[in-house]
Amino acid sequence: MPDNGGVLEMTREEFEELVAEALDRIPPELTRLMDNVAVFVEDEPPADDPELLGLYEGTPLTERGEWYAGVLPDRITIYRGPTLRMCESREDVVAETEITVVHEIAHHFGIDDARLHALGYG
């Protein structure tokens, strides 16, 4: 990948493939439990949080009750720009993307940031 002033270059398609590969590495016993969730790739996070690597928006499985029906899917968004800016190599991008995907899926399961940090997904 060409050097672009210290920022790693990777097409959106290449990055989306890394996200797909990270999802493929999630154990099947977990992916079977994922319910009503969609994963997206965006180039940049909201302007108020420019370093954000990923975002989970929705109702965690642990908070869903009888009322939970007919709702839009939870949304996991992985952001390409900040990931590429913080990584120095393709291998770094692969590792960081996998950590971010696991982190956001954990939020879908109701696991908070403190517990994720304790598990090594900081």
C-alpha atoms as a PDB file:
ATOM      1  CA  MET A   1       0.000   0.000   0.000  1.00  0.00           C
ATOM      2  CA  PRO A   2       1.382   3.403  -0.901  1.00  0.00           C
ATOM      3  CA  ASP A   3       2.411   5.798   1.815  1.00  0.00           C
ATOM      4  CA  ASN A   4       0.117   8.812   2.012  1.00  0.00           C
ATOM      5  CA  GLY A   5       1.830  11.091   4.478  1.00  0.00           C
ATOM      6  CA  GLY A   6       1.850   8.419   7.147  1.00  0.00           C
ATOM      7  CA  VAL A   7      -1.785   7.418   6.602  1.00  0.00           C
ATOM      8  CA  LEU A   8      -2.278   3.852   5.478  1.00  0.00           C
ATOM      9  CA  GLU A   9      -4.105   3.479   2.161  1.00  0.00           C
ATOM     10  CA  MET A  10      -6.826   0.855   1.761  1.00  0.00           C
ATOM     11  CA  THR A  11      -9.907   0.976  -0.435  1.00  0.00           C
ATOM     12  CA  ARG A  12     -13.338   0.803   1.090  1.00  0.00           C
ATOM     13  CA  GLU A  13     -13.819  -2.577  -0.593  1.00  0.00           C
ATOM     14  CA  GLU A  14     -10.614  -3.945   0.971  1.00  0.00           C
ATOM     15  CA  PHE A  15     -11.655  -2.646   4.382  1.00  0.00           C
ATOM     16  CA  GLU A  16     -15.168  -4.104   4.028  1.00  0.00           C
ATOM     17  CA  GLU A  17     -13.556  -7.462   3.246  1.00  0.00           C
ATOM     18  CA  LEU A  18     -11.512  -7.248   6.467  1.00  0.00           C
ATOM     19  CA  VAL A  19     -14.695  -6.536   8.429  1.00  0.00           C
ATOM     20  CA  ALA A  20     -16.375  -9.529   6.749  1.00  0.00           C
ATOM     21  CA  GLU A  21     -13.388 -11.721   7.607  1.00  0.00           C
ATOM     22  CA  ALA A  22     -13.500 -10.542  11.233  1.00  0.00           C
ATOM     23  CA  LEU A  23     -17.196 -11.447  11.362  1.00  0.00           C
ATOM     24  CA  ASP A  24     -16.391 -14.870   9.889  1.00  0.00           C
ATOM     25  CA  ARG A  25     -13.961 -15.486  12.767  1.00  0.00           C
ATOM     26  CA  ILE A  26     -16.651 -14.954  15.410  1.00  0.00           C
ATOM     27  CA  PRO A  27     -17.451 -18.413  16.818  1.00  0.00           C
ATOM     28  CA  PRO A  28     -20.630 -19.877  15.282  1.00  0.00           C
ATOM     29  CA  GLU A  29     -22.133 -20.442  18.726  1.00  0.00           C
ATOM     30  CA  LEU A  30     -22.085 -16.656  19.188  1.00  0.00           C
ATOM     31  CA  THR A  31     -23.242 -15.650  15.717  1.00  0.00           C
ATOM     32  CA  ARG A  32     -26.237 -17.983  16.109  1.00  0.00           C
ATOM     33  CA  LEU A  33     -27.240 -15.944  19.159  1.00  0.00           C
ATOM     34  CA  MET A  34     -26.982 -12.587  17.386  1.00  0.00           C
ATOM     35  CA  ASP A  35     -30.473 -11.333  16.682  1.00  0.00           C
ATOM     36  CA  ASN A  36     -31.706  -8.502  14.489  1.00  0.00           C
ATOM     37  CA  VAL A  37     -28.331  -6.817  13.971  1.00  0.00           C
ATOM     38  CA  ALA A  38     -26.723  -5.421  10.812  1.00  0.00           C
ATOM     39  CA  VAL A  39     -23.070  -4.479  10.300  1.00  0.00           C
ATOM     40  CA  PHE A  40     -22.020  -1.493   8.188  1.00  0.00           C
ATOM     41  CA  VAL A  41     -18.766   0.163   7.145  1.00  0.00           C
ATOM     42  CA  GLU A  42     -18.559   3.952   6.974  1.00  0.00           C
ATOM     43  CA  ASP A  43     -15.576   6.084   6.033  1.00  0.00           C
ATOM     44  CA  GLU A  44     -15.732   8.515   8.962  1.00  0.00           C
ATOM     45  CA  PRO A  45     -17.400   8.642  12.382  1.00  0.00           C
ATOM     46  CA  PRO A  46     -19.555  11.528  13.586  1.00  0.00           C
ATOM     47  CA  ALA A  47     -17.647  14.831  13.680  1.00  0.00           C
ATOM     48  CA  ASP A  48     -17.987  15.034  17.479  1.00  0.00           C
ATOM     49  CA  ASP A  49     -15.974  11.788  17.923  1.00  0.00           C
ATOM     50  CA  PRO A  50     -13.356  11.688  15.129  1.00  0.00           C
ATOM     51  CA  GLU A  51     -11.298   8.864  16.697  1.00  0.00           C
ATOM     52  CA  LEU A  52     -14.242   6.465  17.034  1.00  0.00           C
ATOM     53  CA  LEU A  53     -13.444   3.064  15.496  1.00  0.00           C
ATOM     54  CA  GLY A  54     -16.847   1.452  15.879  1.00  0.00           C
ATOM     55  CA  LEU A  55     -20.336   2.139  17.177  1.00  0.00           C
ATOM     56  CA  TYR A  56     -23.171  -0.065  18.395  1.00  0.00           C
ATOM     57  CA  GLU A  57     -26.663   1.412  18.186  1.00  0.00           C
ATOM     58  CA  GLY A  58     -29.625  -0.579  19.368  1.00  0.00           C
ATOM     59  CA  THR A  59     -31.094  -2.536  22.241  1.00  0.00           C
ATOM     60  CA  PRO A  60     -28.717  -5.114  23.733  1.00  0.00           C
ATOM     61  CA  LEU A  61     -30.062  -8.655  23.982  1.00  0.00           C
ATOM     62  CA  THR A  62     -29.947  -8.374  27.779  1.00  0.00           C
ATOM     63  CA  GLU A  63     -32.398  -5.441  27.714  1.00  0.00           C
ATOM     64  CA  ARG A  64     -34.974  -6.831  25.309  1.00  0.00           C
ATOM     65  CA  GLY A  65     -38.323  -7.737  26.787  1.00  0.00           C
ATOM     66  CA  GLU A  66     -41.732  -8.774  25.556  1.00  0.00           C
ATOM     67  CA  TRP A  67     -42.114  -5.357  23.939  1.00  0.00           C
ATOM     68  CA  TYR A  68     -39.245  -6.108  21.529  1.00  0.00           C
ATOM     69  CA  ALA A  69     -40.907  -6.839  18.199  1.00  0.00           C
ATOM     70  CA  GLY A  70     -41.125  -5.162  14.817  1.00  0.00           C
ATOM     71  CA  VAL A  71     -38.141  -2.908  15.457  1.00  0.00           C
ATOM     72  CA  LEU A  72     -35.373  -1.954  13.062  1.00  0.00           C
ATOM     73  CA  PRO A  73     -32.191  -4.018  13.373  1.00  0.00           C
ATOM     74  CA  ASP A  74     -29.469  -2.994  15.772  1.00  0.00           C
ATOM     75  CA  ARG A  75     -26.675  -1.304  13.864  1.00  0.00           C
ATOM     76  CA  ILE A  76     -22.949  -1.909  14.206  1.00  0.00           C
ATOM     77  CA  THR A  77     -20.822   0.558  12.259  1.00  0.00           C
ATOM     78  CA  ILE A  78     -17.087   0.135  11.740  1.00  0.00           C
ATOM     79  CA  TYR A  79     -15.222   3.297  10.704  1.00  0.00           C
ATOM     80  CA  ARG A  80     -12.458   3.005   8.101  1.00  0.00           C
ATOM     81  CA  GLY A  81     -10.778   6.435   8.414  1.00  0.00           C
ATOM     82  CA  PRO A  82      -9.763   6.419  12.083  1.00  0.00           C
ATOM     83  CA  THR A  83      -8.690   2.764  11.867  1.00  0.00           C
ATOM     84  CA  LEU A  84      -6.362   3.491   8.940  1.00  0.00           C
ATOM     85  CA  ARG A  85      -4.996   6.621  10.624  1.00  0.00           C
ATOM     86  CA  MET A  86      -4.039   4.737  13.807  1.00  0.00           C
ATOM     87  CA  CYS A  87      -2.537   1.651  12.128  1.00  0.00           C
ATOM     88  CA  GLU A  88       0.932   1.367  10.608  1.00  0.00           C
ATOM     89  CA  SER A  89       0.488  -1.800   8.533  1.00  0.00           C
ATOM     90  CA  ARG A  90      -2.140  -3.998   6.940  1.00  0.00           C
ATOM     91  CA  GLU A  91      -1.568  -6.487   9.768  1.00  0.00           C
ATOM     92  CA  ASP A  92      -2.375  -3.745  12.290  1.00  0.00           C
ATOM     93  CA  VAL A  93      -5.578  -2.964  10.395  1.00  0.00           C
ATOM     94  CA  VAL A  94      -6.576  -6.656  10.401  1.00  0.00           C
ATOM     95  CA  ALA A  95      -5.976  -6.919  14.163  1.00  0.00           C
ATOM     96  CA  GLU A  96      -7.671  -3.614  15.027  1.00  0.00           C
ATOM     97  CA  THR A  97     -10.677  -4.376  12.826  1.00  0.00           C
ATOM     98  CA  GLU A  98     -11.139  -7.735  14.524  1.00  0.00           C
ATOM     99  CA  ILE A  99     -10.926  -6.155  17.989  1.00  0.00           C
ATOM    100  CA  THR A 100     -13.419  -3.445  16.996  1.00  0.00           C
ATOM    101  CA  VAL A 101     -15.895  -5.940  15.520  1.00  0.00           C
ATOM    102  CA  VAL A 102     -15.720  -8.130  18.648  1.00  0.00           C
ATOM    103  CA  HIS A 103     -16.078  -5.021  20.839  1.00  0.00           C
ATOM    104  CA  GLU A 104     -19.253  -3.857  19.085  1.00  0.00           C
ATOM    105  CA  ILE A 105     -20.774  -7.355  18.982  1.00  0.00           C
ATOM    106  CA  ALA A 106     -20.124  -7.604  22.716  1.00  0.00           C
ATOM    107  CA  HIS A 107     -22.251  -4.477  23.189  1.00  0.00           C
ATOM    108  CA  HIS A 108     -25.039  -6.283  21.278  1.00  0.00           C
ATOM    109  CA  PHE A 109     -24.772  -9.006  23.931  1.00  0.00           C
ATOM    110  CA  GLY A 110     -24.972  -6.408  26.718  1.00  0.00           C
ATOM    111  CA  ILE A 111     -21.282  -6.431  27.698  1.00  0.00           C
ATOM    112  CA  ASP A 112     -20.121  -2.966  28.747  1.00  0.00           C
ATOM    113  CA  ASP A 113     -16.783  -1.237  28.128  1.00  0.00           C
ATOM    114  CA  ALA A 114     -15.453  -1.948  31.639  1.00  0.00           C
ATOM    115  CA  ARG A 115     -15.961  -5.700  31.196  1.00  0.00           C
ATOM    116  CA  LEU A 116     -14.482  -5.582  27.678  1.00  0.00           C
ATOM    117  CA  HIS A 117     -11.362  -3.850  29.012  1.00  0.00           C
ATOM    118  CA  ALA A 118     -11.077  -6.518  31.713  1.00  0.00           C
ATOM    119  CA  LEU A 119     -11.270  -9.184  28.995  1.00  0.00           C
ATOM    120  CA  GLY A 120      -8.497  -7.496  26.996  1.00  0.00           C
ATOM    121  CA  TYR A 121     -10.640  -5.809  24.346  1.00  0.00           C
ATOM    122  CA  GLY A 122      -9.686  -2.234  25.178  1.00  0.00           C
END
